[in-house]
Amino acid sequence: MTAARRLMILVVLAVLGCSSVPQPPAPLEELSALQTVALFHDYLRARELGRVHELLFEPVRQKDYAAAAVGASELSRGWSDFTAVDAREEGDVAVAVIHEHLAQGKPTRNYYPVCLVTQGGRWRILPDGYRERKADLPADAYARFGVLEEWFGRRKAALLREANDQ
């Protein structure tokens, strides 16, 4: 393909508004916790790490930001084949269930929790280890996360039973 032809294709795509960057289905402030995790997945697959960080809970310490960047990069390469399956919101905290489709190239029935909290009027994803680092969360958030983690355990068991019945 000639350079002129490639340029023409790029111009046509730009005019048509085509983009490889996933677009949110609504303004971020209107997304549910489940939609936020699905958008996080789309940004990971597109390797839009800057947009991934827009969905993470702040403040992120500089060290945490670097670790999150490495983690997001790893996810975008090897662990971005997941689906946001379900979520439960309790006020300003939520837990989403994600299903990892492949692990090391093999189909799985792995389900994992993703914890979220509202910040600035929209859902943000908490990084792993938020409890150990004593993230700047409302005082009762940890108790509500405990209830949601129990819900996750029950929901995961139900999803596994459904998968076994098929």
C-alpha atoms as a PDB file:
ATOM      1  CA  MET A   1       0.000   0.000   0.000  1.00  0.00           C
ATOM      2  CA  THR A   2       1.388   3.361  -0.930  1.00  0.00           C
ATOM      3  CA  ALA A   3       1.884   6.166   1.558  1.00  0.00           C
ATOM      4  CA  ALA A   4      -0.675   8.294  -0.298  1.00  0.00           C
ATOM      5  CA  ARG A   5      -3.285   5.536  -0.035  1.00  0.00           C
ATOM      6  CA  ARG A   6      -2.614   5.061   3.705  1.00  0.00           C
ATOM      7  CA  LEU A   7      -2.956   8.810   4.239  1.00  0.00           C
ATOM      8  CA  MET A   8      -6.235   8.841   2.330  1.00  0.00           C
ATOM      9  CA  ILE A   9      -7.605   6.009   4.478  1.00  0.00           C
ATOM     10  CA  LEU A  10      -6.588   7.846   7.664  1.00  0.00           C
ATOM     11  CA  VAL A  11      -8.290  11.027   6.457  1.00  0.00           C
ATOM     12  CA  VAL A  12     -11.484   9.150   5.581  1.00  0.00           C
ATOM     13  CA  LEU A  13     -11.506   7.462   8.998  1.00  0.00           C
ATOM     14  CA  ALA A  14     -10.954  10.809  10.721  1.00  0.00           C
ATOM     15  CA  VAL A  15     -13.776  12.413   8.737  1.00  0.00           C
ATOM     16  CA  LEU A  16     -16.119   9.548   9.546  1.00  0.00           C
ATOM     17  CA  GLY A  17     -15.185   9.796  13.203  1.00  0.00           C
ATOM     18  CA  CYS A  18     -13.894   6.235  13.364  1.00  0.00           C
ATOM     19  CA  SER A  19     -11.537   5.567  16.224  1.00  0.00           C
ATOM     20  CA  SER A  20      -9.904   2.564  17.756  1.00  0.00           C
ATOM     21  CA  VAL A  21     -10.276   4.185  21.191  1.00  0.00           C
ATOM     22  CA  PRO A  22     -13.372   2.783  22.925  1.00  0.00           C
ATOM     23  CA  GLN A  23     -15.978   5.389  23.695  1.00  0.00           C
ATOM     24  CA  PRO A  24     -18.050   5.333  26.901  1.00  0.00           C
ATOM     25  CA  PRO A  25     -21.742   4.527  26.315  1.00  0.00           C
ATOM     26  CA  ALA A  26     -22.644   7.635  28.354  1.00  0.00           C
ATOM     27  CA  PRO A  27     -20.847  10.355  30.313  1.00  0.00           C
ATOM     28  CA  LEU A  28     -18.659   8.755  33.001  1.00  0.00           C
ATOM     29  CA  GLU A  29     -20.844  10.272  35.726  1.00  0.00           C
ATOM     30  CA  GLU A  30     -23.840   8.303  34.407  1.00  0.00           C
ATOM     31  CA  LEU A  31     -22.186   4.884  34.191  1.00  0.00           C
ATOM     32  CA  SER A  32     -23.088   2.127  36.627  1.00  0.00           C
ATOM     33  CA  ALA A  33     -20.354   0.202  38.427  1.00  0.00           C
ATOM     34  CA  LEU A  34     -20.804  -2.671  35.948  1.00  0.00           C
ATOM     35  CA  GLN A  35     -20.497  -0.325  32.949  1.00  0.00           C
ATOM     36  CA  THR A  36     -17.367   1.242  34.470  1.00  0.00           C
ATOM     37  CA  VAL A  37     -15.667  -2.157  34.749  1.00  0.00           C
ATOM     38  CA  ALA A  38     -16.713  -3.023  31.167  1.00  0.00           C
ATOM     39  CA  LEU A  39     -15.202   0.281  29.960  1.00  0.00           C
ATOM     40  CA  PHE A  40     -12.042  -0.468  31.982  1.00  0.00           C
ATOM     41  CA  HIS A  41     -11.818  -3.765  30.060  1.00  0.00           C
ATOM     42  CA  ASP A  42     -12.243  -1.994  26.719  1.00  0.00           C
ATOM     43  CA  TYR A  43      -9.517   0.528  27.578  1.00  0.00           C
ATOM     44  CA  LEU A  44      -7.176  -2.293  28.639  1.00  0.00           C
ATOM     45  CA  ARG A  45      -7.713  -4.170  25.390  1.00  0.00           C
ATOM     46  CA  ALA A  46      -7.054  -0.996  23.417  1.00  0.00           C
ATOM     47  CA  ARG A  47      -3.960  -0.337  25.586  1.00  0.00           C
ATOM     48  CA  GLU A  48      -5.280   3.109  26.445  1.00  0.00           C
ATOM     49  CA  LEU A  49      -3.419   3.242  29.756  1.00  0.00           C
ATOM     50  CA  GLY A  50      -4.098   6.948  30.290  1.00  0.00           C
ATOM     51  CA  ARG A  51      -7.816   6.261  30.079  1.00  0.00           C
ATOM     52  CA  VAL A  52      -7.422   3.215  32.324  1.00  0.00           C
ATOM     53  CA  HIS A  53      -6.000   5.527  34.992  1.00  0.00           C
ATOM     54  CA  GLU A  54      -8.989   7.872  34.624  1.00  0.00           C
ATOM     55  CA  LEU A  55     -11.109   5.029  35.988  1.00  0.00           C
ATOM     56  CA  LEU A  56      -8.903   4.300  39.011  1.00  0.00           C
ATOM     57  CA  PHE A  57      -9.489   5.645  42.510  1.00  0.00           C
ATOM     58  CA  GLU A  58      -7.459   8.731  43.389  1.00  0.00           C
ATOM     59  CA  PRO A  59      -5.285   9.768  45.081  1.00  0.00           C
ATOM     60  CA  VAL A  60      -2.814   7.350  43.619  1.00  0.00           C
ATOM     61  CA  ARG A  61       0.627   7.764  45.101  1.00  0.00           C
ATOM     62  CA  GLN A  62       3.421   8.103  42.551  1.00  0.00           C
ATOM     63  CA  LYS A  63       4.704   4.620  43.416  1.00  0.00           C
ATOM     64  CA  ASP A  64       1.192   3.211  43.118  1.00  0.00           C
ATOM     65  CA  TYR A  65       0.702   4.982  39.797  1.00  0.00           C
ATOM     66  CA  ALA A  66       3.841   3.365  38.401  1.00  0.00           C
ATOM     67  CA  ALA A  67       2.754  -0.042  39.712  1.00  0.00           C
ATOM     68  CA  ALA A  68      -0.716   0.472  38.252  1.00  0.00           C
ATOM     69  CA  ALA A  69       0.819   1.406  34.890  1.00  0.00           C
ATOM     70  CA  VAL A  70       2.874  -1.776  34.877  1.00  0.00           C
ATOM     71  CA  GLY A  71      -0.142  -3.795  35.991  1.00  0.00           C
ATOM     72  CA  ALA A  72      -2.385  -2.241  33.354  1.00  0.00           C
ATOM     73  CA  SER A  73       0.241  -2.911  30.717  1.00  0.00           C
ATOM     74  CA  GLU A  74       0.478  -6.556  31.805  1.00  0.00           C
ATOM     75  CA  LEU A  75      -3.296  -6.845  31.833  1.00  0.00           C
ATOM     76  CA  SER A  76      -3.565  -5.370  28.370  1.00  0.00           C
ATOM     77  CA  ARG A  77      -1.132  -8.012  27.084  1.00  0.00           C
ATOM     78  CA  GLY A  78      -2.209 -11.131  28.900  1.00  0.00           C
ATOM     79  CA  TRP A  79      -5.224 -10.784  31.144  1.00  0.00           C
ATOM     80  CA  SER A  80      -7.644  -8.543  29.338  1.00  0.00           C
ATOM     81  CA  ASP A  81      -9.872 -11.343  28.127  1.00  0.00           C
ATOM     82  CA  PHE A  82     -12.567 -10.932  30.740  1.00  0.00           C
ATOM     83  CA  THR A  83     -16.186  -9.927  30.891  1.00  0.00           C
ATOM     84  CA  ALA A  84     -17.895  -7.837  33.542  1.00  0.00           C
ATOM     85  CA  VAL A  85     -20.679 -10.228  34.547  1.00  0.00           C
ATOM     86  CA  ASP A  86     -22.565  -8.619  37.415  1.00  0.00           C
ATOM     87  CA  ALA A  87     -22.247  -5.913  40.048  1.00  0.00           C
ATOM     88  CA  ARG A  88     -23.879  -4.859  43.256  1.00  0.00           C
ATOM     89  CA  GLU A  89     -23.883  -1.267  44.420  1.00  0.00           C
ATOM     90  CA  GLU A  90     -24.387  -0.220  48.049  1.00  0.00           C
ATOM     91  CA  GLY A  91     -24.463   3.546  48.189  1.00  0.00           C
ATOM     92  CA  ASP A  92     -21.009   4.806  47.258  1.00  0.00           C
ATOM     93  CA  VAL A  93     -19.293   1.380  47.153  1.00  0.00           C
ATOM     94  CA  ALA A  94     -19.723  -1.548  44.771  1.00  0.00           C
ATOM     95  CA  VAL A  95     -18.292  -4.931  43.865  1.00  0.00           C
ATOM     96  CA  ALA A  96     -18.339  -6.171  40.289  1.00  0.00           C
ATOM     97  CA  VAL A  97     -17.854  -9.775  39.208  1.00  0.00           C
ATOM     98  CA  ILE A  98     -15.549 -10.395  36.274  1.00  0.00           C
ATOM     99  CA  HIS A  99     -15.151 -13.680  34.415  1.00  0.00           C
ATOM    100  CA  GLU A 100     -11.662 -14.402  33.116  1.00  0.00           C
ATOM    101  CA  HIS A 101     -12.110 -16.312  29.853  1.00  0.00           C
ATOM    102  CA  LEU A 102      -8.557 -17.504  29.331  1.00  0.00           C
ATOM    103  CA  ALA A 103      -5.640 -18.179  31.635  1.00  0.00           C
ATOM    104  CA  GLN A 104      -2.380 -19.166  29.995  1.00  0.00           C
ATOM    105  CA  GLY A 105      -4.296 -19.780  26.773  1.00  0.00           C
ATOM    106  CA  LYS A 106      -6.821 -22.177  28.296  1.00  0.00           C
ATOM    107  CA  PRO A 107     -10.546 -21.572  28.955  1.00  0.00           C
ATOM    108  CA  THR A 108     -11.358 -20.973  32.613  1.00  0.00           C
ATOM    109  CA  ARG A 109     -14.215 -20.588  35.002  1.00  0.00           C
ATOM    110  CA  ASN A 110     -12.383 -18.007  37.078  1.00  0.00           C
ATOM    111  CA  TYR A 111     -14.437 -15.241  38.660  1.00  0.00           C
ATOM    112  CA  TYR A 112     -12.886 -12.323  40.513  1.00  0.00           C
ATOM    113  CA  PRO A 113     -14.202  -9.325  42.459  1.00  0.00           C
ATOM    114  CA  VAL A 114     -13.450  -5.746  41.444  1.00  0.00           C
ATOM    115  CA  CYS A 115     -14.107  -3.162  44.166  1.00  0.00           C
ATOM    116  CA  LEU A 116     -15.302   0.318  43.242  1.00  0.00           C
ATOM    117  CA  VAL A 117     -16.087   3.531  45.088  1.00  0.00           C
ATOM    118  CA  THR A 118     -17.709   6.738  43.913  1.00  0.00           C
ATOM    119  CA  GLN A 119     -15.422   9.712  43.684  1.00  0.00           C
ATOM    120  CA  GLY A 120     -16.142  12.999  41.997  1.00  0.00           C
ATOM    121  CA  GLY A 121     -19.627  11.795  41.083  1.00  0.00           C
ATOM    122  CA  ARG A 122     -18.534   8.656  39.229  1.00  0.00           C
ATOM    123  CA  TRP A 123     -17.412   5.099  39.889  1.00  0.00           C
ATOM    124  CA  ARG A 124     -13.675   4.505  40.321  1.00  0.00           C
ATOM    125  CA  ILE A 125     -11.923   1.146  40.554  1.00  0.00           C
ATOM    126  CA  LEU A 126      -9.939   0.476  43.710  1.00  0.00           C
ATOM    127  CA  PRO A 127      -6.538  -1.115  43.208  1.00  0.00           C
ATOM    128  CA  ASP A 128      -5.783  -4.453  44.844  1.00  0.00           C
ATOM    129  CA  GLY A 129      -4.499  -4.055  48.370  1.00  0.00           C
ATOM    130  CA  TYR A 130      -6.628  -1.005  49.194  1.00  0.00           C
ATOM    131  CA  ARG A 131      -7.316  -2.411  52.673  1.00  0.00           C
ATOM    132  CA  GLU A 132      -3.676  -2.945  53.516  1.00  0.00           C
ATOM    133  CA  ARG A 133      -2.781   0.563  52.377  1.00  0.00           C
ATOM    134  CA  LYS A 134      -5.678   2.095  54.314  1.00  0.00           C
ATOM    135  CA  ALA A 135      -7.067   3.869  51.252  1.00  0.00           C
ATOM    136  CA  ASP A 136      -8.747   7.194  51.909  1.00  0.00           C
ATOM    137  CA  LEU A 137     -12.298   5.817  52.046  1.00  0.00           C
ATOM    138  CA  PRO A 138     -15.333   6.790  54.115  1.00  0.00           C
ATOM    139  CA  ALA A 139     -15.240   5.281  57.606  1.00  0.00           C
ATOM    140  CA  ASP A 140     -18.055   2.779  56.994  1.00  0.00           C
ATOM    141  CA  ALA A 141     -16.896   1.761  53.504  1.00  0.00           C
ATOM    142  CA  TYR A 142     -14.839  -1.169  54.770  1.00  0.00           C
ATOM    143  CA  ALA A 143     -17.870  -2.660  56.531  1.00  0.00           C
ATOM    144  CA  ARG A 144     -19.998  -2.267  53.394  1.00  0.00           C
ATOM    145  CA  PHE A 145     -17.258  -3.875  51.318  1.00  0.00           C
ATOM    146  CA  GLY A 146     -17.358  -6.814  53.732  1.00  0.00           C
ATOM    147  CA  VAL A 147     -21.076  -7.290  52.992  1.00  0.00           C
ATOM    148  CA  LEU A 148     -20.441  -6.959  49.259  1.00  0.00           C
ATOM    149  CA  GLU A 149     -17.607  -9.485  49.397  1.00  0.00           C
ATOM    150  CA  GLU A 150     -20.018 -11.965  51.002  1.00  0.00           C
ATOM    151  CA  TRP A 151     -22.433 -11.262  48.123  1.00  0.00           C
ATOM    152  CA  PHE A 152     -19.565 -11.880  45.682  1.00  0.00           C
ATOM    153  CA  GLY A 153     -18.883 -15.278  47.264  1.00  0.00           C
ATOM    154  CA  ARG A 154     -22.528 -16.301  46.857  1.00  0.00           C
ATOM    155  CA  ARG A 155     -22.705 -14.915  43.308  1.00  0.00           C
ATOM    156  CA  LYS A 156     -19.493 -16.694  42.292  1.00  0.00           C
ATOM    157  CA  ALA A 157     -20.833 -19.997  43.631  1.00  0.00           C
ATOM    158  CA  ALA A 158     -24.070 -19.506  41.658  1.00  0.00           C
ATOM    159  CA  LEU A 159     -22.143 -18.703  38.451  1.00  0.00           C
ATOM    160  CA  LEU A 160     -20.008 -21.820  38.891  1.00  0.00           C
ATOM    161  CA  ARG A 161     -23.128 -23.958  39.427  1.00  0.00           C
ATOM    162  CA  GLU A 162     -24.678 -22.466  36.270  1.00  0.00           C
ATOM    163  CA  ALA A 163     -21.509 -23.215  34.297  1.00  0.00           C
ATOM    164  CA  ASN A 164     -21.464 -26.815  35.569  1.00  0.00           C
ATOM    165  CA  ASP A 165     -25.093 -27.307  34.572  1.00  0.00           C
ATOM    166  CA  GLN A 166     -24.330 -26.422  30.951  1.00  0.00           C
END
